[in-house]
Amino acid sequence: MTSIYKINKGINKPIEFKGLKAQYIAYLAIGLIVLLILFAALYIIGANMFVCLGTTGILGTALFMTVYRMSDTYGQYGLIKKMAKRSLPVFLKASSRKLFLNLKVSSKHQ
């Protein structure tokens, strides 16, 4: 049985499905599962059906727009690189020269 959806573009290329690249497919799937659970919870507590549908519809639209925007902006590894860049210090502070002198000495022995 063949599929009408083209999922992989080629060898050694990231998975792309309907414009979503790599990990953004998982982000969208997790978001849709959360929306399903939210809809079920609202329905079980007795909220009006139009409130359930409206809330889920608005949040679903926001989810799709956000995930597609992040996929287009950052690409396959860009979001991970952005999160890693936040953990880098802005500057390094040293109170003595001893640290740098030890680095220089240890590099001569190698």
Protein backbone atom coordinates (compact mmCIF):
# COMPACT_ATOMS: atom_id res chain seq x y z
CA MET A 1 0.00 0.00 0.00
CA THR A 2 1.54 3.33 -1.01
CA SER A 3 1.18 6.60 0.81
CA ILE A 4 0.16 9.83 -0.89
CA TYR A 5 2.26 11.88 1.53
CA LYS A 6 5.92 12.44 0.77
CA ILE A 7 7.75 12.28 4.08
CA ASN A 8 11.49 12.07 3.37
CA LYS A 9 13.25 14.24 0.79
CA GLY A 10 16.38 12.14 0.38
CA ILE A 11 19.32 10.46 1.99
CA ASN A 12 20.97 12.29 4.92
CA LYS A 13 18.32 15.00 4.92
CA PRO A 14 16.02 15.80 7.84
CA ILE A 15 12.51 14.44 7.86
CA GLU A 16 10.12 17.01 6.45
CA PHE A 17 6.35 16.71 6.42
CA LYS A 18 4.11 19.45 5.04
CA GLY A 19 6.81 22.07 5.67
CA LEU A 20 7.64 20.97 9.22
CA LYS A 21 11.24 19.98 9.78
CA ALA A 22 12.73 17.45 12.21
CA GLN A 23 11.75 17.93 15.86
CA TYR A 24 8.88 20.32 15.07
CA ILE A 25 6.79 17.34 13.94
CA ALA A 26 7.10 15.97 17.48
CA TYR A 27 6.30 19.38 19.00
CA LEU A 28 3.12 19.58 16.94
CA ALA A 29 2.11 16.02 17.85
CA ILE A 30 2.63 16.66 21.57
CA GLY A 31 0.67 19.91 21.31
CA LEU A 32 -2.23 18.16 19.59
CA ILE A 33 -2.32 15.48 22.31
CA VAL A 34 -2.41 18.21 24.98
CA LEU A 35 -5.26 19.91 23.11
CA LEU A 36 -7.18 16.63 22.98
CA ILE A 37 -6.74 16.15 26.73
CA LEU A 38 -7.82 19.77 27.35
CA PHE A 39 -10.94 19.31 25.23
CA ALA A 40 -11.81 16.09 27.07
CA ALA A 41 -11.28 17.74 30.46
CA LEU A 42 -13.46 20.72 29.56
CA TYR A 43 -16.18 18.41 28.25
CA ILE A 44 -16.07 16.18 31.34
CA ILE A 45 -16.38 19.09 33.78
CA GLY A 46 -19.51 20.17 31.93
CA ALA A 47 -18.42 23.23 29.99
CA ASN A 48 -20.58 24.33 27.09
CA MET A 49 -19.70 22.57 23.83
CA PHE A 50 -19.13 25.88 22.04
CA VAL A 51 -16.71 26.95 24.77
CA CYS A 52 -14.84 23.64 24.41
CA LEU A 53 -14.67 23.94 20.63
CA GLY A 54 -13.78 27.64 20.68
CA THR A 55 -11.00 27.23 23.23
CA THR A 56 -9.56 24.20 21.48
CA GLY A 57 -9.85 25.87 18.07
CA ILE A 58 -8.12 29.08 19.14
CA LEU A 59 -5.34 27.24 20.98
CA GLY A 60 -4.94 24.80 18.06
CA THR A 61 -4.59 27.66 15.60
CA ALA A 62 -2.02 29.33 17.85
CA LEU A 63 -0.16 26.01 18.15
CA PHE A 64 0.02 25.50 14.38
CA MET A 65 1.08 29.10 13.73
CA THR A 66 3.78 28.98 16.41
CA VAL A 67 5.21 25.62 15.37
CA TYR A 68 5.30 26.51 11.66
CA ARG A 69 6.88 29.90 12.45
CA MET A 70 9.57 28.26 14.60
CA SER A 71 10.21 25.65 11.90
CA ASP A 72 10.65 28.33 9.25
CA THR A 73 12.71 30.64 11.46
CA TYR A 74 15.10 28.22 13.13
CA GLY A 75 15.18 25.18 10.85
CA GLN A 76 16.37 21.77 11.93
CA TYR A 77 18.92 22.69 14.63
CA GLY A 78 18.43 26.44 15.07
CA LEU A 79 16.15 26.29 18.10
CA ILE A 80 18.53 23.93 19.90
CA LYS A 81 21.44 26.27 19.09
CA LYS A 82 19.47 29.26 20.39
CA MET A 83 18.71 27.48 23.67
CA ALA A 84 22.36 26.43 24.01
CA LYS A 85 23.57 29.98 23.35
CA ARG A 86 21.59 31.23 26.34
CA SER A 87 23.70 29.06 28.65
CA LEU A 88 26.98 30.66 27.49
CA PRO A 89 28.35 33.33 29.83
CA VAL A 90 28.50 36.89 28.53
CA PHE A 91 31.99 37.40 29.95
CA LEU A 92 34.58 35.56 32.05
CA LYS A 93 36.02 37.08 35.21
CA ALA A 94 39.43 36.04 36.55
CA SER A 95 40.97 37.50 39.71
CA SER A 96 44.57 36.51 38.97
CA ARG A 97 46.94 35.67 36.12
CA LYS A 98 47.71 32.24 37.56
CA LEU A 99 44.98 30.56 35.55
CA PHE A 100 46.42 31.80 32.26
CA LEU A 101 50.03 31.09 33.24
CA ASN A 102 49.13 27.49 34.07
CA LEU A 103 47.44 27.12 30.69
CA LYS A 104 50.56 28.36 28.94
CA VAL A 105 52.84 26.00 30.85
CA SER A 106 50.65 22.97 30.29
CA SER A 107 50.49 23.61 26.54
CA LYS A 108 54.31 23.52 26.28
CA HIS A 109 54.49 20.01 27.71
CA GLN A 110 52.21 18.56 25.06
